[in-house]
Amino acid sequence: APWEVQPESELAVDDAQTHPYRVSHAAWIAATGLLQGWVTPD
């Protein structure tokens, strides 16, 4: 479950402040997109 936010992390704090929305989901999507660009730059 690499996408799970670690308790006490900055993303956990952000998620708590933006509840019911999760900032961590946007960060996960951005990181996945970045990795995809690294893997398949073309």
PDB file of all heavy atoms in Angstrom:
ATOM      1  N   ALA A   1       0.813  -1.222   0.000  1.00  0.00           N
ATOM      2  CA  ALA A   1       0.000   0.000   0.000  1.00  0.00           C
ATOM      3  C   ALA A   1       0.846   1.273   0.000  1.00  0.00           C
ATOM      4  O   ALA A   1       0.751   2.091   0.908  1.00  0.00           O
ATOM      5  CB  ALA A   1      -0.966  -0.006   1.169  1.00  0.00           C
ATOM      6  N   PRO A   2       1.679   1.476  -1.008  1.00  0.00           N
ATOM      7  CA  PRO A   2       2.549   2.653  -1.018  1.00  0.00           C
ATOM      8  C   PRO A   2       1.777   3.962  -1.084  1.00  0.00           C
ATOM      9  O   PRO A   2       2.318   5.012  -0.773  1.00  0.00           O
ATOM     10  CB  PRO A   2       3.391   2.453  -2.277  1.00  0.00           C
ATOM     11  CG  PRO A   2       2.562   1.607  -3.162  1.00  0.00           C
ATOM     12  CD  PRO A   2       1.787   0.711  -2.239  1.00  0.00           C
ATOM     13  N   TRP A   3       0.513   3.897  -1.477  1.00  0.00           N
ATOM     14  CA  TRP A   3      -0.303   5.104  -1.608  1.00  0.00           C
ATOM     15  C   TRP A   3      -0.922   5.536  -0.282  1.00  0.00           C
ATOM     16  O   TRP A   3      -1.520   6.592  -0.207  1.00  0.00           O
ATOM     17  CB  TRP A   3      -1.419   4.851  -2.635  1.00  0.00           C
ATOM     18  CG  TRP A   3      -2.196   3.617  -2.304  1.00  0.00           C
ATOM     19  CD1 TRP A   3      -3.287   3.526  -1.485  1.00  0.00           C
ATOM     20  CD2 TRP A   3      -1.919   2.297  -2.738  1.00  0.00           C
ATOM     21  NE1 TRP A   3      -3.702   2.222  -1.389  1.00  0.00           N
ATOM     22  CE2 TRP A   3      -2.887   1.446  -2.150  1.00  0.00           C
ATOM     23  CE3 TRP A   3      -0.968   1.739  -3.566  1.00  0.00           C
ATOM     24  CZ2 TRP A   3      -2.910   0.071  -2.369  1.00  0.00           C
ATOM     25  CZ3 TRP A   3      -0.997   0.372  -3.780  1.00  0.00           C
ATOM     26  CH2 TRP A   3      -1.956  -0.439  -3.194  1.00  0.00           C
ATOM     27  N   GLU A   4      -0.782   4.735   0.763  1.00  0.00           N
ATOM     28  CA  GLU A   4      -1.354   5.103   2.056  1.00  0.00           C
ATOM     29  C   GLU A   4      -0.493   6.177   2.713  1.00  0.00           C
ATOM     30  O   GLU A   4       0.730   6.075   2.750  1.00  0.00           O
ATOM     31  CB  GLU A   4      -1.462   3.889   2.969  1.00  0.00           C
ATOM     32  CG  GLU A   4      -2.566   2.942   2.549  1.00  0.00           C
ATOM     33  CD  GLU A   4      -2.760   1.809   3.531  1.00  0.00           C
ATOM     34  OE1 GLU A   4      -2.187   1.854   4.637  1.00  0.00           O
ATOM     35  OE2 GLU A   4      -3.492   0.884   3.180  1.00  0.00           O
ATOM     36  N   VAL A   5      -1.147   7.170   3.233  1.00  0.00           N
ATOM     37  CA  VAL A   5      -0.451   8.263   3.910  1.00  0.00           C
ATOM     38  C   VAL A   5       0.015   7.794   5.274  1.00  0.00           C
ATOM     39  O   VAL A   5      -0.726   7.153   6.015  1.00  0.00           O
ATOM     40  CB  VAL A   5      -1.405   9.475   4.057  1.00  0.00           C
ATOM     41  CG1 VAL A   5      -0.745  10.587   4.839  1.00  0.00           C
ATOM     42  CG2 VAL A   5      -1.841   9.953   2.693  1.00  0.00           C
ATOM     43  N   GLN A   6       1.259   8.101   5.595  1.00  0.00           N
ATOM     44  CA  GLN A   6       1.816   7.725   6.892  1.00  0.00           C
ATOM     45  C   GLN A   6       1.279   8.663   7.964  1.00  0.00           C
ATOM     46  O   GLN A   6       1.253   9.884   7.779  1.00  0.00           O
ATOM     47  CB  GLN A   6       3.347   7.809   6.857  1.00  0.00           C
ATOM     48  CG  GLN A   6       3.974   6.891   5.837  1.00  0.00           C
ATOM     49  CD  GLN A   6       3.680   5.435   6.124  1.00  0.00           C
ATOM     50  OE1 GLN A   6       3.848   4.973   7.250  1.00  0.00           O
ATOM     51  NE2 GLN A   6       3.227   4.720   5.119  1.00  0.00           N
ATOM     52  N   PRO A   7       0.844   8.111   9.084  1.00  0.00           N
ATOM     53  CA  PRO A   7       0.364   8.961  10.185  1.00  0.00           C
ATOM     54  C   PRO A   7       1.447   9.959  10.584  1.00  0.00           C
ATOM     55  O   PRO A   7       2.635   9.651  10.541  1.00  0.00           O
ATOM     56  CB  PRO A   7       0.089   7.970  11.321  1.00  0.00           C
ATOM     57  CG  PRO A   7      -0.050   6.643  10.657  1.00  0.00           C
ATOM     58  CD  PRO A   7       0.800   6.695   9.425  1.00  0.00           C
ATOM     59  N   GLU A   8       1.028  11.144  10.944  1.00  0.00           N
ATOM     60  CA  GLU A   8       1.923  12.213  11.381  1.00  0.00           C
ATOM     61  C   GLU A   8       2.766  12.816  10.256  1.00  0.00           C
ATOM     62  O   GLU A   8       3.583  13.685  10.507  1.00  0.00           O
ATOM     63  CB  GLU A   8       2.859  11.740  12.520  1.00  0.00           C
ATOM     64  CG  GLU A   8       2.161  11.073  13.677  1.00  0.00           C
ATOM     65  CD  GLU A   8       1.174  11.992  14.391  1.00  0.00           C
ATOM     66  OE1 GLU A   8       1.445  13.198  14.516  1.00  0.00           O
ATOM     67  OE2 GLU A   8       0.130  11.483  14.814  1.00  0.00           O
ATOM     68  N   SER A   9       2.574  12.374   9.017  1.00  0.00           N
ATOM     69  CA  SER A   9       3.327  12.968   7.906  1.00  0.00           C
ATOM     70  C   SER A   9       2.688  14.306   7.523  1.00  0.00           C
ATOM     71  O   SER A   9       1.566  14.625   7.926  1.00  0.00           O
ATOM     72  CB  SER A   9       3.332  12.037   6.694  1.00  0.00           C
ATOM     73  OG  SER A   9       2.037  11.979   6.119  1.00  0.00           O
ATOM     74  N   GLU A  10       3.411  15.081   6.730  1.00  0.00           N
ATOM     75  CA  GLU A  10       2.864  16.358   6.269  1.00  0.00           C
ATOM     76  C   GLU A  10       1.596  16.146   5.447  1.00  0.00           C
ATOM     77  O   GLU A  10       0.654  16.936   5.532  1.00  0.00           O
ATOM     78  CB  GLU A  10       3.916  17.119   5.470  1.00  0.00           C
ATOM     79  CG  GLU A  10       5.074  17.596   6.329  1.00  0.00           C
ATOM     80  CD  GLU A  10       6.128  18.329   5.527  1.00  0.00           C
ATOM     81  OE1 GLU A  10       5.852  18.785   4.408  1.00  0.00           O
ATOM     82  OE2 GLU A  10       7.251  18.442   6.051  1.00  0.00           O
ATOM     83  N   LEU A  11       1.563  15.080   4.644  1.00  0.00           N
ATOM     84  CA  LEU A  11       0.353  14.808   3.869  1.00  0.00           C
ATOM     85  C   LEU A  11      -0.816  14.430   4.775  1.00  0.00           C
ATOM     86  O   LEU A  11      -1.967  14.783   4.485  1.00  0.00           O
ATOM     87  CB  LEU A  11       0.599  13.697   2.840  1.00  0.00           C
ATOM     88  CG  LEU A  11       1.359  14.109   1.599  1.00  0.00           C
ATOM     89  CD1 LEU A  11       1.634  12.901   0.714  1.00  0.00           C
ATOM     90  CD2 LEU A  11       0.611  15.170   0.814  1.00  0.00           C
ATOM     91  N   ALA A  12      -0.553  13.728   5.864  1.00  0.00           N
ATOM     92  CA  ALA A  12      -1.630  13.387   6.808  1.00  0.00           C
ATOM     93  C   ALA A  12      -2.210  14.657   7.428  1.00  0.00           C
ATOM     94  O   ALA A  12      -3.431  14.778   7.581  1.00  0.00           O
ATOM     95  CB  ALA A  12      -1.107  12.447   7.889  1.00  0.00           C
ATOM     96  N   VAL A  13      -1.338  15.592   7.758  1.00  0.00           N
ATOM     97  CA  VAL A  13      -1.796  16.873   8.309  1.00  0.00           C
ATOM     98  C   VAL A  13      -2.634  17.612   7.264  1.00  0.00           C
ATOM     99  O   VAL A  13      -3.719  18.124   7.569  1.00  0.00           O
ATOM    100  CB  VAL A  13      -0.596  17.730   8.766  1.00  0.00           C
ATOM    101  CG1 VAL A  13      -1.040  19.128   9.154  1.00  0.00           C
ATOM    102  CG2 VAL A  13       0.124  17.048   9.922  1.00  0.00           C
ATOM    103  N   ASP A  14      -2.152  17.653   6.026  1.00  0.00           N
ATOM    104  CA  ASP A  14      -2.908  18.316   4.957  1.00  0.00           C
ATOM    105  C   ASP A  14      -4.259  17.654   4.749  1.00  0.00           C
ATOM    106  O   ASP A  14      -5.279  18.334   4.576  1.00  0.00           O
ATOM    107  CB  ASP A  14      -2.123  18.294   3.647  1.00  0.00           C
ATOM    108  CG  ASP A  14      -0.894  19.191   3.682  1.00  0.00           C
ATOM    109  OD1 ASP A  14      -0.821  20.075   4.562  1.00  0.00           O
ATOM    110  OD2 ASP A  14      -0.013  18.997   2.824  1.00  0.00           O
ATOM    111  N   ASP A  15      -4.279  16.317   4.744  1.00  0.00           N
ATOM    112  CA  ASP A  15      -5.545  15.599   4.570  1.00  0.00           C
ATOM    113  C   ASP A  15      -6.524  15.934   5.695  1.00  0.00           C
ATOM    114  O   ASP A  15      -7.720  16.110   5.459  1.00  0.00           O
ATOM    115  CB  ASP A  15      -5.314  14.086   4.514  1.00  0.00           C
ATOM    116  CG  ASP A  15      -4.811  13.607   3.171  1.00  0.00           C
ATOM    117  OD1 ASP A  15      -4.769  14.407   2.208  1.00  0.00           O
ATOM    118  OD2 ASP A  15      -4.459  12.411   3.073  1.00  0.00           O
ATOM    119  N   ALA A  16      -6.023  16.026   6.923  1.00  0.00           N
ATOM    120  CA  ALA A  16      -6.888  16.356   8.058  1.00  0.00           C
ATOM    121  C   ALA A  16      -7.458  17.764   7.912  1.00  0.00           C
ATOM    122  O   ALA A  16      -8.634  18.006   8.213  1.00  0.00           O
ATOM    123  CB  ALA A  16      -6.102  16.230   9.364  1.00  0.00           C
ATOM    124  N   GLN A  17      -6.658  18.690   7.403  1.00  0.00           N
ATOM    125  CA  GLN A  17      -7.115  20.074   7.249  1.00  0.00           C
ATOM    126  C   GLN A  17      -8.079  20.253   6.083  1.00  0.00           C
ATOM    127  O   GLN A  17      -8.852  21.196   6.074  1.00  0.00           O
ATOM    128  CB  GLN A  17      -5.916  21.001   7.082  1.00  0.00           C
ATOM    129  CG  GLN A  17      -5.078  21.111   8.338  1.00  0.00           C
ATOM    130  CD  GLN A  17      -3.829  21.950   8.126  1.00  0.00           C
ATOM    131  OE1 GLN A  17      -3.422  22.237   7.017  1.00  0.00           O
ATOM    132  NE2 GLN A  17      -3.209  22.339   9.233  1.00  0.00           N
ATOM    133  N   THR A  18      -8.020  19.375   5.104  1.00  0.00           N
ATOM    134  CA  THR A  18      -8.887  19.508   3.922  1.00  0.00           C
ATOM    135  C   THR A  18     -10.009  18.479   3.913  1.00  0.00           C
ATOM    136  O   THR A  18     -10.693  18.337   2.900  1.00  0.00           O
ATOM    137  CB  THR A  18      -8.060  19.376   2.628  1.00  0.00           C
ATOM    138  OG1 THR A  18      -7.425  18.101   2.597  1.00  0.00           O
ATOM    139  CG2 THR A  18      -7.042  20.493   2.520  1.00  0.00           C
ATOM    140  N   HIS A  19     -10.201  17.766   5.034  1.00  0.00           N
ATOM    141  CA  HIS A  19     -11.254  16.753   5.124  1.00  0.00           C
ATOM    142  C   HIS A  19     -12.592  17.354   4.715  1.00  0.00           C
ATOM    143  O   HIS A  19     -12.891  18.471   5.107  1.00  0.00           O
ATOM    144  CB  HIS A  19     -11.324  16.197   6.552  1.00  0.00           C
ATOM    145  CG  HIS A  19     -12.364  15.148   6.710  1.00  0.00           C
ATOM    146  ND1 HIS A  19     -12.193  13.878   6.222  1.00  0.00           N
ATOM    147  CD2 HIS A  19     -13.593  15.194   7.271  1.00  0.00           C
ATOM    148  CE1 HIS A  19     -13.282  13.173   6.484  1.00  0.00           C
ATOM    149  NE2 HIS A  19     -14.134  13.957   7.120  1.00  0.00           N
ATOM    150  N   PRO A  20     -13.383  16.741   3.908  1.00  0.00           N
ATOM    151  CA  PRO A  20     -13.370  15.355   3.472  1.00  0.00           C
ATOM    152  C   PRO A  20     -12.528  15.112   2.208  1.00  0.00           C
ATOM    153  O   PRO A  20     -12.507  14.001   1.680  1.00  0.00           O
ATOM    154  CB  PRO A  20     -14.830  15.048   3.187  1.00  0.00           C
ATOM    155  CG  PRO A  20     -15.376  16.340   2.680  1.00  0.00           C
ATOM    156  CD  PRO A  20     -14.614  17.402   3.450  1.00  0.00           C
ATOM    157  N   TYR A  21     -11.837  16.135   1.726  1.00  0.00           N
ATOM    158  CA  TYR A  21     -11.008  15.967   0.530  1.00  0.00           C
ATOM    159  C   TYR A  21      -9.595  15.576   0.953  1.00  0.00           C
ATOM    160  O   TYR A  21      -9.168  15.905   2.053  1.00  0.00           O
ATOM    161  CB  TYR A  21     -10.981  17.266  -0.287  1.00  0.00           C
ATOM    162  CG  TYR A  21     -12.370  17.742  -0.609  1.00  0.00           C
ATOM    163  CD1 TYR A  21     -12.945  18.788   0.093  1.00  0.00           C
ATOM    164  CD2 TYR A  21     -13.117  17.105  -1.584  1.00  0.00           C
ATOM    165  CE1 TYR A  21     -14.234  19.201  -0.180  1.00  0.00           C
ATOM    166  CE2 TYR A  21     -14.414  17.516  -1.865  1.00  0.00           C
ATOM    167  CZ  TYR A  21     -14.963  18.562  -1.158  1.00  0.00           C
ATOM    168  OH  TYR A  21     -16.232  18.950  -1.434  1.00  0.00           O
ATOM    169  N   ARG A  22      -8.889  14.894   0.067  1.00  0.00           N
ATOM    170  CA  ARG A  22      -7.539  14.447   0.410  1.00  0.00           C
ATOM    171  C   ARG A  22      -6.520  15.024  -0.559  1.00  0.00           C
ATOM    172  O   ARG A  22      -6.540  14.718  -1.743  1.00  0.00           O
ATOM    173  CB  ARG A  22      -7.461  12.923   0.381  1.00  0.00           C
ATOM    174  CG  ARG A  22      -8.255  12.299   1.483  1.00  0.00           C
ATOM    175  CD  ARG A  22      -8.012  10.835   1.531  1.00  0.00           C
ATOM    176  NE  ARG A  22      -8.689  10.262   2.683  1.00  0.00           N
ATOM    177  CZ  ARG A  22      -8.623   9.005   3.000  1.00  0.00           C
ATOM    178  NH1 ARG A  22      -7.918   8.176   2.259  1.00  0.00           N
ATOM    179  NH2 ARG A  22      -9.253   8.559   4.043  1.00  0.00           N
ATOM    180  N   VAL A  23      -5.642  15.834  -0.022  1.00  0.00           N
ATOM    181  CA  VAL A  23      -4.546  16.396  -0.800  1.00  0.00           C
ATOM    182  C   VAL A  23      -3.594  15.274  -1.218  1.00  0.00           C
ATOM    183  O   VAL A  23      -2.993  15.311  -2.292  1.00  0.00           O
ATOM    184  CB  VAL A  23      -3.798  17.470   0.020  1.00  0.00           C
ATOM    185  CG1 VAL A  23      -2.579  17.980  -0.720  1.00  0.00           C
ATOM    186  CG2 VAL A  23      -4.735  18.601   0.373  1.00  0.00           C
ATOM    187  N   SER A  24      -3.483  14.254  -0.392  1.00  0.00           N
ATOM    188  CA  SER A  24      -2.554  13.153  -0.676  1.00  0.00           C
ATOM    189  C   SER A  24      -2.882  12.456  -1.991  1.00  0.00           C
ATOM    190  O   SER A  24      -1.978  11.989  -2.685  1.00  0.00           O
ATOM    191  CB  SER A  24      -2.550  12.144   0.469  1.00  0.00           C
ATOM    192  OG  SER A  24      -3.845  11.605   0.673  1.00  0.00           O
ATOM    193  N   HIS A  25      -4.156  12.383  -2.347  1.00  0.00           N
ATOM    194  CA  HIS A  25      -4.516  11.762  -3.622  1.00  0.00           C
ATOM    195  C   HIS A  25      -3.924  12.542  -4.790  1.00  0.00           C
ATOM    196  O   HIS A  25      -3.415  11.962  -5.744  1.00  0.00           O
ATOM    197  CB  HIS A  25      -6.030  11.665  -3.774  1.00  0.00           C
ATOM    198  CG  HIS A  25      -6.640  10.623  -2.898  1.00  0.00           C
ATOM    199  ND1 HIS A  25      -7.970  10.614  -2.594  1.00  0.00           N
ATOM    200  CD2 HIS A  25      -6.110   9.557  -2.260  1.00  0.00           C
ATOM    201  CE1 HIS A  25      -8.237   9.592  -1.808  1.00  0.00           C
ATOM    202  NE2 HIS A  25      -7.120   8.940  -1.589  1.00  0.00           N
ATOM    203  N   ALA A  26      -3.983  13.863  -4.711  1.00  0.00           N
ATOM    204  CA  ALA A  26      -3.407  14.691  -5.775  1.00  0.00           C
ATOM    205  C   ALA A  26      -1.894  14.500  -5.834  1.00  0.00           C
ATOM    206  O   ALA A  26      -1.309  14.420  -6.923  1.00  0.00           O
ATOM    207  CB  ALA A  26      -3.749  16.163  -5.539  1.00  0.00           C
ATOM    208  N   ALA A  27      -1.262  14.394  -4.676  1.00  0.00           N
ATOM    209  CA  ALA A  27       0.189  14.179  -4.652  1.00  0.00           C
ATOM    210  C   ALA A  27       0.538  12.819  -5.249  1.00  0.00           C
ATOM    211  O   ALA A  27       1.507  12.685  -6.001  1.00  0.00           O
ATOM    212  CB  ALA A  27       0.709  14.278  -3.217  1.00  0.00           C
ATOM    213  N   TRP A  28      -0.254  11.798  -4.936  1.00  0.00           N
ATOM    214  CA  TRP A  28      -0.008  10.462  -5.484  1.00  0.00           C
ATOM    215  C   TRP A  28      -0.160  10.461  -7.008  1.00  0.00           C
ATOM    216  O   TRP A  28       0.660   9.895  -7.726  1.00  0.00           O
ATOM    217  CB  TRP A  28      -0.953   9.453  -4.847  1.00  0.00           C
ATOM    218  CG  TRP A  28      -0.761   8.080  -5.403  1.00  0.00           C
ATOM    219  CD1 TRP A  28      -1.595   7.410  -6.245  1.00  0.00           C
ATOM    220  CD2 TRP A  28       0.348   7.219  -5.198  1.00  0.00           C
ATOM    221  NE1 TRP A  28      -1.074   6.191  -6.567  1.00  0.00           N
ATOM    222  CE2 TRP A  28       0.128   6.045  -5.933  1.00  0.00           C
ATOM    223  CE3 TRP A  28       1.525   7.324  -4.459  1.00  0.00           C
ATOM    224  CZ2 TRP A  28       1.027   4.990  -5.955  1.00  0.00           C
ATOM    225  CZ3 TRP A  28       2.414   6.265  -4.478  1.00  0.00           C
ATOM    226  CH2 TRP A  28       2.168   5.125  -5.216  1.00  0.00           C
ATOM    227  N   ILE A  29      -1.198  11.111  -7.496  1.00  0.00           N
ATOM    228  CA  ILE A  29      -1.422  11.187  -8.945  1.00  0.00           C
ATOM    229  C   ILE A  29      -0.274  11.932  -9.620  1.00  0.00           C
ATOM    230  O   ILE A  29       0.228  11.518 -10.668  1.00  0.00           O
ATOM    231  CB  ILE A  29      -2.779  11.848  -9.244  1.00  0.00           C
ATOM    232  CG1 ILE A  29      -3.902  10.908  -8.820  1.00  0.00           C
ATOM    233  CG2 ILE A  29      -2.902  12.213 -10.725  1.00  0.00           C
ATOM    234  CD1 ILE A  29      -5.275  11.563  -8.803  1.00  0.00           C
ATOM    235  N   ALA A  30       0.175  13.028  -9.018  1.00  0.00           N
ATOM    236  CA  ALA A  30       1.284  13.790  -9.592  1.00  0.00           C
ATOM    237  C   ALA A  30       2.570  12.967  -9.608  1.00  0.00           C
ATOM    238  O   ALA A  30       3.304  12.952 -10.601  1.00  0.00           O
ATOM    239  CB  ALA A  30       1.493  15.084  -8.798  1.00  0.00           C
ATOM    240  N   ALA A  31       2.838  12.252  -8.527  1.00  0.00           N
ATOM    241  CA  ALA A  31       4.046  11.427  -8.463  1.00  0.00           C
ATOM    242  C   ALA A  31       3.987  10.290  -9.477  1.00  0.00           C
ATOM    243  O   ALA A  31       4.977   9.986 -10.146  1.00  0.00           O
ATOM    244  CB  ALA A  31       4.235  10.872  -7.052  1.00  0.00           C
ATOM    245  N   THR A  32       2.826   9.674  -9.620  1.00  0.00           N
ATOM    246  CA  THR A  32       2.668   8.598 -10.598  1.00  0.00           C
ATOM    247  C   THR A  32       2.853   9.134 -12.012  1.00  0.00           C
ATOM    248  O   THR A  32       3.519   8.509 -12.836  1.00  0.00           O
ATOM    249  CB  THR A  32       1.292   7.929 -10.446  1.00  0.00           C
ATOM    250  OG1 THR A  32       1.162   7.429  -9.111  1.00  0.00           O
ATOM    251  CG2 THR A  32       1.120   6.786 -11.422  1.00  0.00           C
ATOM    252  N   GLY A  33       2.303  10.302 -12.287  1.00  0.00           N
ATOM    253  CA  GLY A  33       2.475  10.917 -13.609  1.00  0.00           C
ATOM    254  C   GLY A  33       3.923  11.262 -13.880  1.00  0.00           C
ATOM    255  O   GLY A  33       4.424  11.076 -14.994  1.00  0.00           O
ATOM    256  N   LEU A  34       4.618  11.732 -12.849  1.00  0.00           N
ATOM    257  CA  LEU A  34       6.034  12.046 -12.992  1.00  0.00           C
ATOM    258  C   LEU A  34       6.830  10.786 -13.313  1.00  0.00           C
ATOM    259  O   LEU A  34       7.661  10.776 -14.217  1.00  0.00           O
ATOM    260  CB  LEU A  34       6.570  12.690 -11.706  1.00  0.00           C
ATOM    261  CG  LEU A  34       8.062  12.988 -11.675  1.00  0.00           C
ATOM    262  CD1 LEU A  34       8.393  14.087 -12.684  1.00  0.00           C
ATOM    263  CD2 LEU A  34       8.479  13.404 -10.290  1.00  0.00           C
ATOM    264  N   LEU A  35       6.536   9.718 -12.589  1.00  0.00           N
ATOM    265  CA  LEU A  35       7.221   8.449 -12.856  1.00  0.00           C
ATOM    266  C   LEU A  35       6.903   7.929 -14.249  1.00  0.00           C
ATOM    267  O   LEU A  35       7.762   7.405 -14.938  1.00  0.00           O
ATOM    268  CB  LEU A  35       6.838   7.400 -11.810  1.00  0.00           C
ATOM    269  CG  LEU A  35       7.469   7.581 -10.449  1.00  0.00           C
ATOM    270  CD1 LEU A  35       6.876   6.588  -9.453  1.00  0.00           C
ATOM    271  CD2 LEU A  35       8.965   7.409 -10.522  1.00  0.00           C
ATOM    272  N   GLN A  36       5.662   8.091 -14.670  1.00  0.00           N
ATOM    273  CA  GLN A  36       5.293   7.635 -16.003  1.00  0.00           C
ATOM    274  C   GLN A  36       6.066   8.418 -17.060  1.00  0.00           C
ATOM    275  O   GLN A  36       6.526   7.852 -18.041  1.00  0.00           O
ATOM    276  CB  GLN A  36       3.803   7.789 -16.236  1.00  0.00           C
ATOM    277  CG  GLN A  36       3.370   7.275 -17.591  1.00  0.00           C
ATOM    278  CD  GLN A  36       1.873   7.372 -17.793  1.00  0.00           C
ATOM    279  OE1 GLN A  36       1.158   7.892 -16.940  1.00  0.00           O
ATOM    280  NE2 GLN A  36       1.404   6.894 -18.908  1.00  0.00           N
ATOM    281  N   GLY A  37       6.241   9.717 -16.851  1.00  0.00           N
ATOM    282  CA  GLY A  37       7.020  10.522 -17.776  1.00  0.00           C
ATOM    283  C   GLY A  37       8.478  10.105 -17.796  1.00  0.00           C
ATOM    284  O   GLY A  37       9.133  10.136 -18.832  1.00  0.00           O
ATOM    285  N   TRP A  38       8.978   9.649 -16.653  1.00  0.00           N
ATOM    286  CA  TRP A  38      10.358   9.179 -16.567  1.00  0.00           C
ATOM    287  C   TRP A  38      10.504   7.838 -17.289  1.00  0.00           C
ATOM    288  O   TRP A  38      11.481   7.604 -17.980  1.00  0.00           O
ATOM    289  CB  TRP A  38      10.747   9.040 -15.106  1.00  0.00           C
ATOM    290  CG  TRP A  38      12.031   8.319 -14.892  1.00  0.00           C
ATOM    291  CD1 TRP A  38      13.289   8.805 -15.131  1.00  0.00           C
ATOM    292  CD2 TRP A  38      12.209   6.977 -14.425  1.00  0.00           C
ATOM    293  NE1 TRP A  38      14.214   7.849 -14.808  1.00  0.00           N
ATOM    294  CE2 TRP A  38      13.593   6.722 -14.381  1.00  0.00           C
ATOM    295  CE3 TRP A  38      11.321   5.979 -14.013  1.00  0.00           C
ATOM    296  CZ2 TRP A  38      14.103   5.508 -13.956  1.00  0.00           C
ATOM    297  CZ3 TRP A  38      11.848   4.775 -13.599  1.00  0.00           C
ATOM    298  CH2 TRP A  38      13.211   4.555 -13.580  1.00  0.00           C
ATOM    299  N   VAL A  39       9.495   6.980 -17.126  1.00  0.00           N
ATOM    300  CA  VAL A  39       9.555   5.650 -17.734  1.00  0.00           C
ATOM    301  C   VAL A  39       9.327   5.712 -19.228  1.00  0.00           C
ATOM    302  O   VAL A  39       9.994   5.051 -19.999  1.00  0.00           O
ATOM    303  CB  VAL A  39       8.522   4.717 -17.067  1.00  0.00           C
ATOM    304  CG1 VAL A  39       8.423   3.407 -17.817  1.00  0.00           C
ATOM    305  CG2 VAL A  39       8.905   4.452 -15.620  1.00  0.00           C
ATOM    306  N   THR A  40       8.376   6.513 -19.653  1.00  0.00           N
ATOM    307  CA  THR A  40       8.021   6.586 -21.074  1.00  0.00           C
ATOM    308  C   THR A  40       8.089   8.027 -21.553  1.00  0.00           C
ATOM    309  O   THR A  40       7.068   8.632 -21.875  1.00  0.00           O
ATOM    310  CB  THR A  40       6.606   6.012 -21.313  1.00  0.00           C
ATOM    311  OG1 THR A  40       5.685   6.728 -20.490  1.00  0.00           O
ATOM    312  CG2 THR A  40       6.542   4.539 -21.001  1.00  0.00           C
ATOM    313  N   PRO A  41       9.278   8.625 -21.615  1.00  0.00           N
ATOM    314  CA  PRO A  41       9.385  10.047 -21.955  1.00  0.00           C
ATOM    315  C   PRO A  41       8.825  10.384 -23.335  1.00  0.00           C
ATOM    316  O   PRO A  41       8.347  11.498 -23.553  1.00  0.00           O
ATOM    317  CB  PRO A  41      10.891  10.325 -21.890  1.00  0.00           C
ATOM    318  CG  PRO A  41      11.535   9.001 -21.997  1.00  0.00           C
ATOM    319  CD  PRO A  41      10.562   8.000 -21.426  1.00  0.00           C
ATOM    320  N   ASP A  42       8.845   9.447 -24.264  1.00  0.00           N
ATOM    321  CA  ASP A  42       8.319   9.720 -25.600  1.00  0.00           C
ATOM    322  C   ASP A  42       6.804   9.863 -25.596  1.00  0.00           C
ATOM    323  O   ASP A  42       6.223  10.453 -26.505  1.00  0.00           O
ATOM    324  CB  ASP A  42       8.716   8.613 -26.576  1.00  0.00           C
ATOM    325  CG  ASP A  42      10.227   8.565 -26.783  1.00  0.00           C
ATOM    326  OD1 ASP A  42      10.899   9.581 -26.510  1.00  0.00           O
ATOM    327  OD2 ASP A  42      10.717   7.517 -27.215  1.00  0.00           O
TER     328      ASP A  42
END
